[in-house]
Amino acid sequence: MRISVLLLMLLFASCANNNHPQVAGKPAKDVSVQKEVRKMAADIANDLSVAGPAAWLNYFEQTPAFFMANDGQRVFVNNDSATRFVKEVLAINIMKIKLTWSNVYVDSLSPSLAVISANYSEVMIDKDNKNINAAGYFTGTAEKTTDGWKFRNLHWSSLSTLK
């Protein structure tokens, strides 16, 4: 009986001193990844308001694997198609963007990979100085690269697009 109690106490002590917390065999979520990806989202909103739509290009992974979907359809099959659109269409027709994120959720999958989702609302000012308002939900996969956090993929679901 004494040995059983002693073994039970040792088991509790070893669990209490575990420096690598796990839940059901999975590593604990990396809070630093969550903070870094949240900072990236805040930086995007700030950079768009300062530099306009071309700022998006700083946050897209520079690989052929990058893609973006909108309302359930793939609109950019790779980084080249996204870059062309931003430079040749968006930056010419939209002068300013005010993007606001809310209910931001970040799930750290590894030290260099995370999923981010958030509600978004944005006001875009076109070349004729007209406001285009949009709102919806956003999801993306972010990867930590040598140039910082970048999106591997994005999906925008629009609740409304109002002119």
C-alpha atoms as a PDB file:
ATOM      1  CA  MET A   1       0.000   0.000   0.000  1.00  0.00           C
ATOM      2  CA  ARG A   2       2.801   2.400   0.945  1.00  0.00           C
ATOM      3  CA  ILE A   3       4.572   1.735  -2.357  1.00  0.00           C
ATOM      4  CA  SER A   4       1.379   2.476  -4.285  1.00  0.00           C
ATOM      5  CA  VAL A   5       0.946   5.802  -2.493  1.00  0.00           C
ATOM      6  CA  LEU A   6       4.599   6.672  -3.084  1.00  0.00           C
ATOM      7  CA  LEU A   7       4.355   5.822  -6.783  1.00  0.00           C
ATOM      8  CA  LEU A   8       1.176   7.885  -7.068  1.00  0.00           C
ATOM      9  CA  MET A   9       2.900  10.866  -5.405  1.00  0.00           C
ATOM     10  CA  LEU A  10       5.888  10.553  -7.772  1.00  0.00           C
ATOM     11  CA  LEU A  11       3.516  10.453 -10.747  1.00  0.00           C
ATOM     12  CA  PHE A  12       1.772  13.653  -9.603  1.00  0.00           C
ATOM     13  CA  ALA A  13       5.100  15.368  -8.939  1.00  0.00           C
ATOM     14  CA  SER A  14       6.448  14.486 -12.385  1.00  0.00           C
ATOM     15  CA  CYS A  15       3.278  15.789 -14.049  1.00  0.00           C
ATOM     16  CA  ALA A  16       3.455  19.026 -12.081  1.00  0.00           C
ATOM     17  CA  ASN A  17       7.078  19.627 -13.139  1.00  0.00           C
ATOM     18  CA  ASN A  18       6.492  19.003 -16.838  1.00  0.00           C
ATOM     19  CA  ASN A  19       8.052  21.920 -18.748  1.00  0.00           C
ATOM     20  CA  HIS A  20       6.492  20.814 -22.036  1.00  0.00           C
ATOM     21  CA  PRO A  21       2.729  21.034 -21.519  1.00  0.00           C
ATOM     22  CA  GLN A  22       0.642  18.904 -23.852  1.00  0.00           C
ATOM     23  CA  VAL A  23      -3.011  18.245 -24.405  1.00  0.00           C
ATOM     24  CA  ALA A  24      -4.002  14.839 -25.787  1.00  0.00           C
ATOM     25  CA  GLY A  25      -0.503  14.294 -27.170  1.00  0.00           C
ATOM     26  CA  LYS A  26      -0.332  17.616 -29.030  1.00  0.00           C
ATOM     27  CA  PRO A  27       2.104  20.453 -28.192  1.00  0.00           C
ATOM     28  CA  ALA A  28       0.723  23.503 -26.423  1.00  0.00           C
ATOM     29  CA  LYS A  29      -0.091  26.452 -28.674  1.00  0.00           C
ATOM     30  CA  ASP A  30       2.751  28.874 -29.241  1.00  0.00           C
ATOM     31  CA  VAL A  31       1.684  32.218 -27.802  1.00  0.00           C
ATOM     32  CA  SER A  32       4.600  34.015 -29.479  1.00  0.00           C
ATOM     33  CA  VAL A  33       3.389  32.818 -32.910  1.00  0.00           C
ATOM     34  CA  GLN A  34      -0.091  34.086 -32.109  1.00  0.00           C
ATOM     35  CA  LYS A  35       1.296  37.506 -31.121  1.00  0.00           C
ATOM     36  CA  GLU A  36       3.481  37.742 -34.237  1.00  0.00           C
ATOM     37  CA  VAL A  37       0.640  36.842 -36.604  1.00  0.00           C
ATOM     38  CA  ARG A  38      -1.703  39.302 -34.866  1.00  0.00           C
ATOM     39  CA  LYS A  39       0.991  41.953 -35.312  1.00  0.00           C
ATOM     40  CA  MET A  40       1.190  41.084 -39.009  1.00  0.00           C
ATOM     41  CA  ALA A  41      -2.576  41.652 -39.318  1.00  0.00           C
ATOM     42  CA  ALA A  42      -2.261  45.031 -37.592  1.00  0.00           C
ATOM     43  CA  ASP A  43       0.695  45.943 -39.819  1.00  0.00           C
ATOM     44  CA  ILE A  44      -1.321  45.078 -42.935  1.00  0.00           C
ATOM     45  CA  ALA A  45      -4.159  47.397 -41.912  1.00  0.00           C
ATOM     46  CA  ASN A  46      -1.692  50.195 -41.148  1.00  0.00           C
ATOM     47  CA  ASP A  47       0.358  49.719 -44.319  1.00  0.00           C
ATOM     48  CA  LEU A  48      -2.753  49.687 -46.524  1.00  0.00           C
ATOM     49  CA  SER A  49      -3.926  52.986 -45.043  1.00  0.00           C
ATOM     50  CA  VAL A  50      -0.508  54.559 -45.645  1.00  0.00           C
ATOM     51  CA  ALA A  51       0.691  52.991 -48.909  1.00  0.00           C
ATOM     52  CA  GLY A  52      -2.530  51.865 -50.579  1.00  0.00           C
ATOM     53  CA  PRO A  53      -3.301  48.490 -52.134  1.00  0.00           C
ATOM     54  CA  ALA A  54       0.264  47.817 -53.324  1.00  0.00           C
ATOM     55  CA  ALA A  55       1.110  47.171 -49.651  1.00  0.00           C
ATOM     56  CA  TRP A  56      -0.607  43.787 -49.979  1.00  0.00           C
ATOM     57  CA  LEU A  57       2.339  42.544 -52.030  1.00  0.00           C
ATOM     58  CA  ASN A  58       4.547  42.753 -48.933  1.00  0.00           C
ATOM     59  CA  TYR A  59       2.403  40.098 -47.253  1.00  0.00           C
ATOM     60  CA  PHE A  60       1.953  37.503 -50.022  1.00  0.00           C
ATOM     61  CA  GLU A  61       4.381  34.600 -50.075  1.00  0.00           C
ATOM     62  CA  GLN A  62       6.612  34.967 -53.133  1.00  0.00           C
ATOM     63  CA  THR A  63       6.070  31.392 -54.287  1.00  0.00           C
ATOM     64  CA  PRO A  64       4.012  29.716 -57.004  1.00  0.00           C
ATOM     65  CA  ALA A  65       2.139  27.859 -54.232  1.00  0.00           C
ATOM     66  CA  PHE A  66       0.436  31.089 -53.078  1.00  0.00           C
ATOM     67  CA  PHE A  67      -3.267  31.371 -53.928  1.00  0.00           C
ATOM     68  CA  MET A  68      -6.284  33.444 -52.979  1.00  0.00           C
ATOM     69  CA  ALA A  69      -9.989  32.706 -53.055  1.00  0.00           C
ATOM     70  CA  ASN A  70     -12.948  35.044 -52.772  1.00  0.00           C
ATOM     71  CA  ASP A  71     -16.508  33.963 -52.002  1.00  0.00           C
ATOM     72  CA  GLY A  72     -15.689  30.344 -52.706  1.00  0.00           C
ATOM     73  CA  GLN A  73     -13.807  30.795 -55.978  1.00  0.00           C
ATOM     74  CA  ARG A  74     -10.061  30.780 -56.572  1.00  0.00           C
ATOM     75  CA  VAL A  75      -9.258  34.231 -57.981  1.00  0.00           C
ATOM     76  CA  PHE A  76      -5.452  34.040 -57.953  1.00  0.00           C
ATOM     77  CA  VAL A  77      -3.816  30.720 -58.778  1.00  0.00           C
ATOM     78  CA  ASN A  78      -0.349  31.875 -57.721  1.00  0.00           C
ATOM     79  CA  ASN A  79       1.678  34.869 -56.621  1.00  0.00           C
ATOM     80  CA  ASP A  80       2.301  36.061 -60.189  1.00  0.00           C
ATOM     81  CA  SER A  81      -1.425  36.394 -60.915  1.00  0.00           C
ATOM     82  CA  ALA A  82      -2.001  38.216 -57.608  1.00  0.00           C
ATOM     83  CA  THR A  83       0.915  40.585 -58.236  1.00  0.00           C
ATOM     84  CA  ARG A  84      -0.305  41.405 -61.743  1.00  0.00           C
ATOM     85  CA  PHE A  85      -3.808  42.167 -60.473  1.00  0.00           C
ATOM     86  CA  VAL A  86      -2.596  44.341 -57.589  1.00  0.00           C
ATOM     87  CA  LYS A  87      -0.239  46.347 -59.812  1.00  0.00           C
ATOM     88  CA  GLU A  88      -2.303  46.554 -63.009  1.00  0.00           C
ATOM     89  CA  VAL A  89      -5.846  46.822 -61.656  1.00  0.00           C
ATOM     90  CA  LEU A  90      -6.179  47.397 -57.918  1.00  0.00           C
ATOM     91  CA  ALA A  91      -3.426  50.008 -57.453  1.00  0.00           C
ATOM     92  CA  ILE A  92      -4.661  51.935 -60.490  1.00  0.00           C
ATOM     93  CA  ASN A  93      -8.332  51.972 -59.505  1.00  0.00           C
ATOM     94  CA  ILE A  94      -8.198  52.098 -55.686  1.00  0.00           C
ATOM     95  CA  MET A  95      -6.353  55.006 -54.149  1.00  0.00           C
ATOM     96  CA  LYS A  96      -6.796  54.207 -50.491  1.00  0.00           C
ATOM     97  CA  ILE A  97      -7.928  51.329 -48.290  1.00  0.00           C
ATOM     98  CA  LYS A  98      -8.977  51.419 -44.655  1.00  0.00           C
ATOM     99  CA  LEU A  99      -9.082  47.833 -43.420  1.00  0.00           C
ATOM    100  CA  THR A 100     -10.392  46.989 -39.953  1.00  0.00           C
ATOM    101  CA  TRP A 101     -10.075  43.542 -38.393  1.00  0.00           C
ATOM    102  CA  SER A 102     -12.207  42.300 -35.494  1.00  0.00           C
ATOM    103  CA  ASN A 103     -12.542  39.004 -33.634  1.00  0.00           C
ATOM    104  CA  VAL A 104      -9.083  37.978 -34.793  1.00  0.00           C
ATOM    105  CA  TYR A 105      -8.328  34.315 -34.114  1.00  0.00           C
ATOM    106  CA  VAL A 106      -4.881  32.803 -34.584  1.00  0.00           C
ATOM    107  CA  ASP A 107      -4.172  29.087 -34.331  1.00  0.00           C
ATOM    108  CA  SER A 108      -0.444  28.354 -34.179  1.00  0.00           C
ATOM    109  CA  LEU A 109       0.176  25.082 -35.991  1.00  0.00           C
ATOM    110  CA  SER A 110       3.953  25.138 -35.564  1.00  0.00           C
ATOM    111  CA  PRO A 111       6.649  27.738 -34.803  1.00  0.00           C
ATOM    112  CA  SER A 112       6.504  28.819 -38.460  1.00  0.00           C
ATOM    113  CA  LEU A 113       2.904  28.138 -39.516  1.00  0.00           C
ATOM    114  CA  ALA A 114      -0.427  29.539 -38.345  1.00  0.00           C
ATOM    115  CA  VAL A 115      -4.033  29.892 -39.394  1.00  0.00           C
ATOM    116  CA  ILE A 116      -5.634  33.301 -38.959  1.00  0.00           C
ATOM    117  CA  SER A 117      -9.289  34.246 -39.247  1.00  0.00           C
ATOM    118  CA  ALA A 118     -11.160  37.462 -38.570  1.00  0.00           C
ATOM    119  CA  ASN A 119     -14.138  39.576 -39.398  1.00  0.00           C
ATOM    120  CA  TYR A 120     -13.142  42.416 -41.687  1.00  0.00           C
ATOM    121  CA  SER A 121     -14.603  45.660 -42.874  1.00  0.00           C
ATOM    122  CA  GLU A 122     -12.977  47.966 -45.334  1.00  0.00           C
ATOM    123  CA  VAL A 123     -13.550  51.238 -47.037  1.00  0.00           C
ATOM    124  CA  MET A 124     -11.851  51.585 -50.385  1.00  0.00           C
ATOM    125  CA  ILE A 125     -11.665  54.957 -52.088  1.00  0.00           C
ATOM    126  CA  ASP A 126     -11.555  54.637 -55.859  1.00  0.00           C
ATOM    127  CA  LYS A 127      -9.905  56.943 -58.401  1.00  0.00           C
ATOM    128  CA  ASP A 128     -13.171  58.934 -58.693  1.00  0.00           C
ATOM    129  CA  ASN A 129     -13.100  59.519 -54.917  1.00  0.00           C
ATOM    130  CA  LYS A 130     -16.090  57.208 -54.333  1.00  0.00           C
ATOM    131  CA  ASN A 131     -16.264  54.933 -51.313  1.00  0.00           C
ATOM    132  CA  ILE A 132     -16.626  51.190 -51.782  1.00  0.00           C
ATOM    133  CA  ASN A 133     -17.560  49.471 -48.540  1.00  0.00           C
ATOM    134  CA  ALA A 134     -17.077  45.765 -47.947  1.00  0.00           C
ATOM    135  CA  ALA A 135     -17.383  43.456 -44.964  1.00  0.00           C
ATOM    136  CA  GLY A 136     -17.187  39.752 -44.282  1.00  0.00           C
ATOM    137  CA  TYR A 137     -14.953  37.025 -42.953  1.00  0.00           C
ATOM    138  CA  PHE A 138     -11.340  36.289 -43.762  1.00  0.00           C
ATOM    139  CA  THR A 139      -9.200  33.176 -43.329  1.00  0.00           C
ATOM    140  CA  GLY A 140      -5.588  32.572 -44.255  1.00  0.00           C
ATOM    141  CA  THR A 141      -2.540  30.456 -43.667  1.00  0.00           C
ATOM    142  CA  ALA A 142       0.529  32.417 -42.614  1.00  0.00           C
ATOM    143  CA  GLU A 143       4.090  31.155 -42.778  1.00  0.00           C
ATOM    144  CA  LYS A 144       7.163  32.608 -41.145  1.00  0.00           C
ATOM    145  CA  THR A 145       9.735  33.219 -43.861  1.00  0.00           C
ATOM    146  CA  THR A 146      13.187  34.803 -43.848  1.00  0.00           C
ATOM    147  CA  ASP A 147      11.341  38.063 -44.676  1.00  0.00           C
ATOM    148  CA  GLY A 148       8.845  37.718 -41.826  1.00  0.00           C
ATOM    149  CA  TRP A 149       5.284  36.387 -41.757  1.00  0.00           C
ATOM    150  CA  LYS A 150       3.629  36.019 -45.176  1.00  0.00           C
ATOM    151  CA  PHE A 151       0.364  34.566 -46.416  1.00  0.00           C
ATOM    152  CA  ARG A 152       0.511  31.202 -48.186  1.00  0.00           C
ATOM    153  CA  ASN A 153      -3.177  31.500 -48.986  1.00  0.00           C
ATOM    154  CA  LEU A 154      -6.182  33.677 -48.245  1.00  0.00           C
ATOM    155  CA  HIS A 155      -9.955  33.426 -48.508  1.00  0.00           C
ATOM    156  CA  TRP A 156     -12.376  36.332 -48.272  1.00  0.00           C
ATOM    157  CA  SER A 157     -16.091  35.733 -47.758  1.00  0.00           C
ATOM    158  CA  SER A 158     -18.132  38.862 -48.368  1.00  0.00           C
ATOM    159  CA  LEU A 159     -21.204  39.652 -46.334  1.00  0.00           C
ATOM    160  CA  SER A 160     -21.821  42.756 -48.362  1.00  0.00           C
ATOM    161  CA  THR A 161     -20.271  44.969 -50.949  1.00  0.00           C
ATOM    162  CA  LEU A 162     -21.935  48.358 -50.977  1.00  0.00           C
ATOM    163  CA  LYS A 163     -21.199  51.342 -53.175  1.00  0.00           C
END
